[in-house]
Amino acid sequence: MPGHTQELTMACKLQASCNRNHVTENFESRIKQYVKFRYAVQDLLPPSRVLAAIKDHVYECFALETRIQTPVPDTIPFMYRNQMVVISNELWAMKPIDLPTISQETLRANPV
């Protein structure tokens, strides 16, 4: 498209920014929704307060740069912990090896 290179470049940059913002703004909620989905699939959906603690713990563990065992909060009953480990393993298996520490700073980083 001769003569439209600048407009096409701007449109591509705008689309890339929109995509990045969509992922950035929804990343944590997507991980937490996945955790809830996995519990629902197994018919183990815990009470909302317990589920919130599970989602927070799984997300915090997933966001770490290296995989370490972090203490499970006492608010999470033992009957839900096995499934929590399975879900954490699934998330870590999907995580790219070269993915940096997930934090608000890295999510806001401008790739351009």
N, C-alpha and C. Protein backbone atom coordinates (compact mmCIF):
# COMPACT_ATOMS: atom_id res chain seq x y z
N MET A 1 0.84 -1.17 0.00
CA MET A 1 0.00 0.00 0.00
C MET A 1 0.89 1.24 0.00
N PRO A 2 1.30 1.67 -1.16
CA PRO A 2 2.16 2.86 -1.24
C PRO A 2 1.46 4.08 -0.65
N GLY A 3 2.22 4.85 0.10
CA GLY A 3 1.69 6.07 0.68
C GLY A 3 0.94 5.88 1.99
N HIS A 4 0.76 4.66 2.42
CA HIS A 4 0.01 4.39 3.64
C HIS A 4 0.85 3.68 4.70
N THR A 5 2.15 3.69 4.52
CA THR A 5 3.05 2.99 5.44
C THR A 5 2.95 3.53 6.85
N GLN A 6 2.91 4.84 6.98
CA GLN A 6 2.86 5.45 8.31
C GLN A 6 1.55 5.10 9.03
N GLU A 7 0.44 5.15 8.30
CA GLU A 7 -0.84 4.82 8.90
C GLU A 7 -0.89 3.35 9.32
N LEU A 8 -0.34 2.48 8.47
CA LEU A 8 -0.31 1.06 8.79
C LEU A 8 0.57 0.79 10.00
N THR A 9 1.70 1.48 10.08
CA THR A 9 2.59 1.33 11.23
C THR A 9 1.89 1.77 12.51
N MET A 10 1.20 2.89 12.47
CA MET A 10 0.48 3.39 13.64
C MET A 10 -0.63 2.42 14.05
N ALA A 11 -1.34 1.88 13.07
CA ALA A 11 -2.41 0.93 13.37
C ALA A 11 -1.84 -0.33 14.02
N CYS A 12 -0.71 -0.81 13.53
CA CYS A 12 -0.08 -2.00 14.11
C CYS A 12 0.38 -1.73 15.54
N LYS A 13 0.97 -0.56 15.77
CA LYS A 13 1.42 -0.21 17.13
C LYS A 13 0.22 -0.10 18.07
N LEU A 14 -0.86 0.50 17.60
CA LEU A 14 -2.06 0.64 18.42
C LEU A 14 -2.63 -0.74 18.76
N GLN A 15 -2.69 -1.64 17.77
CA GLN A 15 -3.21 -2.98 18.02
C GLN A 15 -2.31 -3.74 18.99
N ALA A 16 -1.00 -3.60 18.84
CA ALA A 16 -0.07 -4.27 19.76
C ALA A 16 -0.24 -3.75 21.18
N SER A 17 -0.42 -2.44 21.32
CA SER A 17 -0.64 -1.85 22.65
C SER A 17 -1.95 -2.35 23.26
N CYS A 18 -2.99 -2.42 22.45
CA CYS A 18 -4.29 -2.92 22.95
C CYS A 18 -4.17 -4.37 23.40
N ASN A 19 -3.48 -5.19 22.61
CA ASN A 19 -3.30 -6.60 22.98
C ASN A 19 -2.50 -6.72 24.27
N ARG A 20 -1.41 -5.96 24.38
CA ARG A 20 -0.57 -6.00 25.58
C ARG A 20 -1.37 -5.56 26.80
N ASN A 21 -2.13 -4.49 26.66
CA ASN A 21 -2.93 -4.00 27.78
C ASN A 21 -4.00 -5.01 28.19
N HIS A 22 -4.59 -5.68 27.21
CA HIS A 22 -5.62 -6.68 27.52
C HIS A 22 -5.02 -7.82 28.34
N VAL A 23 -3.84 -8.29 27.94
CA VAL A 23 -3.18 -9.36 28.69
C VAL A 23 -2.74 -8.86 30.05
N THR A 24 -2.14 -7.68 30.09
CA THR A 24 -1.61 -7.11 31.33
C THR A 24 -2.71 -6.92 32.37
N GLU A 25 -3.80 -6.33 31.95
CA GLU A 25 -4.87 -5.99 32.89
C GLU A 25 -5.64 -7.22 33.37
N ASN A 26 -5.63 -8.28 32.60
CA ASN A 26 -6.44 -9.45 32.94
C ASN A 26 -5.63 -10.67 33.34
N PHE A 27 -4.31 -10.55 33.42
CA PHE A 27 -3.46 -11.72 33.64
C PHE A 27 -3.78 -12.42 34.96
N GLU A 28 -3.78 -11.69 36.05
CA GLU A 28 -4.02 -12.30 37.36
C GLU A 28 -5.40 -12.93 37.42
N SER A 29 -6.40 -12.23 36.90
CA SER A 29 -7.76 -12.78 36.96
C SER A 29 -7.89 -14.04 36.11
N ARG A 30 -7.15 -14.13 35.01
CA ARG A 30 -7.21 -15.33 34.17
C ARG A 30 -6.62 -16.54 34.90
N ILE A 31 -5.51 -16.33 35.58
CA ILE A 31 -4.91 -17.42 36.35
C ILE A 31 -5.89 -17.88 37.43
N LYS A 32 -6.49 -16.92 38.13
CA LYS A 32 -7.42 -17.26 39.21
C LYS A 32 -8.69 -17.92 38.68
N GLN A 33 -9.16 -17.50 37.52
CA GLN A 33 -10.33 -18.15 36.92
C GLN A 33 -10.00 -19.58 36.52
N TYR A 34 -8.78 -19.81 36.07
CA TYR A 34 -8.36 -21.17 35.73
C TYR A 34 -8.38 -22.06 36.97
N VAL A 35 -7.90 -21.53 38.09
CA VAL A 35 -7.90 -22.29 39.34
C VAL A 35 -9.33 -22.67 39.72
N LYS A 36 -10.23 -21.71 39.65
CA LYS A 36 -11.64 -21.99 39.98
C LYS A 36 -12.23 -23.03 39.02
N PHE A 37 -11.92 -22.90 37.75
CA PHE A 37 -12.40 -23.85 36.75
C PHE A 37 -11.92 -25.26 37.05
N ARG A 38 -10.66 -25.42 37.39
CA ARG A 38 -10.11 -26.75 37.67
C ARG A 38 -10.77 -27.39 38.89
N TYR A 39 -11.06 -26.59 39.91
CA TYR A 39 -11.77 -27.14 41.07
C TYR A 39 -13.20 -27.54 40.69
N ALA A 40 -13.85 -26.73 39.88
CA ALA A 40 -15.22 -27.03 39.46
C ALA A 40 -15.27 -28.31 38.63
N VAL A 41 -14.29 -28.51 37.76
CA VAL A 41 -14.24 -29.71 36.92
C VAL A 41 -14.14 -30.96 37.79
N GLN A 42 -13.43 -30.87 38.89
CA GLN A 42 -13.25 -32.02 39.79
C GLN A 42 -14.37 -32.14 40.83
N ASP A 43 -15.38 -31.28 40.76
CA ASP A 43 -16.46 -31.25 41.75
C ASP A 43 -15.94 -31.06 43.16
N LEU A 44 -14.92 -30.23 43.29
CA LEU A 44 -14.32 -29.95 44.60
C LEU A 44 -14.41 -28.47 44.94
N LEU A 45 -15.37 -27.76 44.36
CA LEU A 45 -15.43 -26.32 44.55
C LEU A 45 -15.60 -25.98 46.02
N PRO A 46 -14.57 -25.36 46.62
CA PRO A 46 -14.64 -25.02 48.05
C PRO A 46 -15.50 -23.78 48.29
N PRO A 47 -15.79 -23.49 49.55
CA PRO A 47 -16.51 -22.25 49.87
C PRO A 47 -15.72 -21.04 49.36
N SER A 48 -16.41 -19.96 49.11
CA SER A 48 -15.78 -18.80 48.45
C SER A 48 -14.58 -18.25 49.21
N ARG A 49 -14.63 -18.22 50.52
CA ARG A 49 -13.49 -17.69 51.30
C ARG A 49 -12.26 -18.58 51.13
N VAL A 50 -12.47 -19.89 51.15
CA VAL A 50 -11.37 -20.83 50.96
C VAL A 50 -10.85 -20.76 49.53
N LEU A 51 -11.78 -20.67 48.57
CA LEU A 51 -11.38 -20.57 47.17
C LEU A 51 -10.54 -19.32 46.92
N ALA A 52 -10.92 -18.22 47.54
CA ALA A 52 -10.14 -16.98 47.39
C ALA A 52 -8.72 -17.17 47.92
N ALA A 53 -8.59 -17.84 49.05
CA ALA A 53 -7.25 -18.10 49.62
C ALA A 53 -6.45 -19.02 48.71
N ILE A 54 -7.10 -20.01 48.14
CA ILE A 54 -6.42 -20.94 47.22
C ILE A 54 -5.94 -20.19 45.98
N LYS A 55 -6.83 -19.39 45.39
CA LYS A 55 -6.46 -18.65 44.18
C LYS A 55 -5.30 -17.70 44.44
N ASP A 56 -5.35 -17.01 45.57
CA ASP A 56 -4.25 -16.09 45.91
C ASP A 56 -2.93 -16.84 46.08
N HIS A 57 -2.97 -17.96 46.78
CA HIS A 57 -1.75 -18.73 47.03
C HIS A 57 -1.18 -19.30 45.73
N VAL A 58 -2.03 -19.88 44.90
CA VAL A 58 -1.57 -20.45 43.63
C VAL A 58 -0.99 -19.36 42.74
N TYR A 59 -1.65 -18.21 42.68
CA TYR A 59 -1.13 -17.12 41.84
C TYR A 59 0.21 -16.61 42.36
N GLU A 60 0.33 -16.43 43.66
CA GLU A 60 1.59 -15.95 44.23
C GLU A 60 2.72 -16.93 43.95
N CYS A 61 2.44 -18.22 44.06
CA CYS A 61 3.47 -19.23 43.76
C CYS A 61 3.83 -19.22 42.28
N PHE A 62 2.83 -19.06 41.42
CA PHE A 62 3.07 -19.03 39.97
C PHE A 62 3.88 -17.80 39.57
N ALA A 63 3.69 -16.71 40.27
CA ALA A 63 4.37 -15.46 39.92
C ALA A 63 5.84 -15.44 40.35
N LEU A 64 6.25 -16.40 41.15
CA LEU A 64 7.65 -16.44 41.58
C LEU A 64 8.56 -16.79 40.41
N GLU A 65 9.78 -16.28 40.47
CA GLU A 65 10.74 -16.54 39.39
C GLU A 65 11.20 -17.99 39.41
N THR A 66 11.45 -18.52 40.59
CA THR A 66 11.87 -19.91 40.70
C THR A 66 10.82 -20.67 41.48
N ARG A 67 10.73 -21.92 41.20
CA ARG A 67 9.71 -22.75 41.85
C ARG A 67 10.23 -23.22 43.20
N ILE A 68 9.64 -22.70 44.24
CA ILE A 68 10.00 -23.10 45.59
C ILE A 68 8.73 -23.45 46.35
N GLN A 69 8.88 -24.26 47.35
CA GLN A 69 7.73 -24.61 48.18
C GLN A 69 7.46 -23.48 49.16
N THR A 70 6.31 -22.88 49.05
CA THR A 70 5.93 -21.85 50.00
C THR A 70 4.91 -22.45 50.95
N PRO A 71 4.91 -22.02 52.19
CA PRO A 71 3.96 -22.59 53.15
C PRO A 71 2.51 -22.30 52.74
N VAL A 72 1.70 -23.32 52.85
CA VAL A 72 0.28 -23.18 52.52
C VAL A 72 -0.41 -22.52 53.71
N PRO A 73 -1.21 -21.49 53.46
CA PRO A 73 -1.92 -20.83 54.57
C PRO A 73 -2.82 -21.80 55.32
N ASP A 74 -2.95 -21.57 56.60
CA ASP A 74 -3.79 -22.42 57.45
C ASP A 74 -5.27 -22.33 57.08
N THR A 75 -5.65 -21.28 56.35
CA THR A 75 -7.04 -21.10 55.96
C THR A 75 -7.47 -22.08 54.86
N ILE A 76 -6.51 -22.80 54.28
CA ILE A 76 -6.83 -23.77 53.23
C ILE A 76 -6.87 -25.16 53.85
N PRO A 77 -8.06 -25.77 53.91
CA PRO A 77 -8.17 -27.11 54.50
C PRO A 77 -7.39 -28.16 53.69
N PHE A 78 -6.99 -29.21 54.38
CA PHE A 78 -6.19 -30.26 53.75
C PHE A 78 -6.90 -30.93 52.58
N MET A 79 -8.23 -31.01 52.63
CA MET A 79 -8.96 -31.70 51.57
C MET A 79 -8.83 -31.02 50.20
N TYR A 80 -8.42 -29.76 50.17
CA TYR A 80 -8.27 -29.03 48.90
C TYR A 80 -6.81 -28.91 48.46
N ARG A 81 -5.89 -29.34 49.27
CA ARG A 81 -4.47 -29.10 48.99
C ARG A 81 -3.93 -29.98 47.87
N ASN A 82 -4.38 -31.22 47.77
CA ASN A 82 -3.89 -32.08 46.69
C ASN A 82 -4.23 -31.50 45.32
N GLN A 83 -5.47 -31.07 45.15
CA GLN A 83 -5.88 -30.46 43.88
C GLN A 83 -5.11 -29.17 43.64
N MET A 84 -4.81 -28.44 44.69
CA MET A 84 -4.05 -27.20 44.56
C MET A 84 -2.65 -27.49 44.00
N VAL A 85 -2.04 -28.56 44.44
CA VAL A 85 -0.72 -28.95 43.94
C VAL A 85 -0.81 -29.35 42.46
N VAL A 86 -1.84 -30.08 42.11
CA VAL A 86 -2.04 -30.48 40.72
C VAL A 86 -2.18 -29.25 39.82
N ILE A 87 -2.98 -28.29 40.26
CA ILE A 87 -3.20 -27.07 39.48
C ILE A 87 -1.91 -26.28 39.37
N SER A 88 -1.17 -26.17 40.45
CA SER A 88 0.11 -25.45 40.41
C SER A 88 1.06 -26.11 39.42
N ASN A 89 1.10 -27.43 39.43
CA ASN A 89 1.96 -28.15 38.48
C ASN A 89 1.54 -27.89 37.04
N GLU A 90 0.24 -27.85 36.78
CA GLU A 90 -0.25 -27.56 35.43
C GLU A 90 0.17 -26.17 34.99
N LEU A 91 0.02 -25.20 35.89
CA LEU A 91 0.40 -23.83 35.54
C LEU A 91 1.90 -23.72 35.28
N TRP A 92 2.70 -24.37 36.11
CA TRP A 92 4.15 -24.32 35.91
C TRP A 92 4.53 -25.03 34.61
N ALA A 93 3.82 -26.06 34.23
CA ALA A 93 4.11 -26.75 32.97
C ALA A 93 3.81 -25.86 31.77
N MET A 94 2.84 -24.97 31.91
CA MET A 94 2.48 -24.06 30.82
C MET A 94 3.37 -22.82 30.78
N LYS A 95 4.07 -22.55 31.86
CA LYS A 95 4.86 -21.32 31.97
C LYS A 95 6.14 -21.44 31.13
N PRO A 96 6.39 -20.49 30.23
CA PRO A 96 7.62 -20.53 29.45
C PRO A 96 8.85 -20.45 30.37
N ILE A 97 9.90 -21.15 30.00
CA ILE A 97 11.11 -21.19 30.82
C ILE A 97 11.72 -19.81 30.97
N ASP A 98 11.70 -19.01 29.92
CA ASP A 98 12.35 -17.70 29.96
C ASP A 98 11.42 -16.58 30.42
N LEU A 99 10.27 -16.91 30.97
CA LEU A 99 9.35 -15.89 31.46
C LEU A 99 9.93 -15.22 32.69
N PRO A 100 10.04 -13.90 32.69
CA PRO A 100 10.61 -13.22 33.86
C PRO A 100 9.65 -13.23 35.04
N THR A 101 10.12 -12.72 36.15
CA THR A 101 9.26 -12.60 37.32
C THR A 101 8.02 -11.80 36.96
N ILE A 102 6.88 -12.32 37.32
CA ILE A 102 5.63 -11.63 37.01
C ILE A 102 5.33 -10.68 38.15
N SER A 103 5.35 -9.42 37.83
CA SER A 103 5.05 -8.39 38.83
C SER A 103 4.32 -7.27 38.11
N GLN A 104 3.84 -6.32 38.87
CA GLN A 104 3.18 -5.18 38.24
C GLN A 104 4.14 -4.43 37.33
N GLU A 105 5.42 -4.37 37.71
CA GLU A 105 6.41 -3.67 36.90
C GLU A 105 6.64 -4.37 35.57
N THR A 106 6.78 -5.70 35.60
CA THR A 106 7.01 -6.41 34.34
C THR A 106 5.76 -6.42 33.48
N LEU A 107 4.60 -6.43 34.09
CA LEU A 107 3.38 -6.40 33.30
C LEU A 107 3.16 -5.05 32.64
N ARG A 108 3.66 -3.99 33.26
CA ARG A 108 3.50 -2.65 32.70
C ARG A 108 4.63 -2.27 31.75
N ALA A 109 5.65 -3.10 31.65
CA ALA A 109 6.82 -2.76 30.83
C ALA A 109 6.39 -2.53 29.39
N ASN A 110 6.97 -1.55 28.78
CA ASN A 110 6.64 -1.19 27.41
C ASN A 110 7.62 -1.87 26.46
N PRO A 111 7.15 -2.80 25.62
CA PRO A 111 8.07 -3.50 24.73
C PRO A 111 8.55 -2.66 23.56
N VAL A 112 7.94 -1.52 23.33
CA VAL A 112 8.30 -0.67 22.18
C VAL A 112 9.46 0.23 22.54
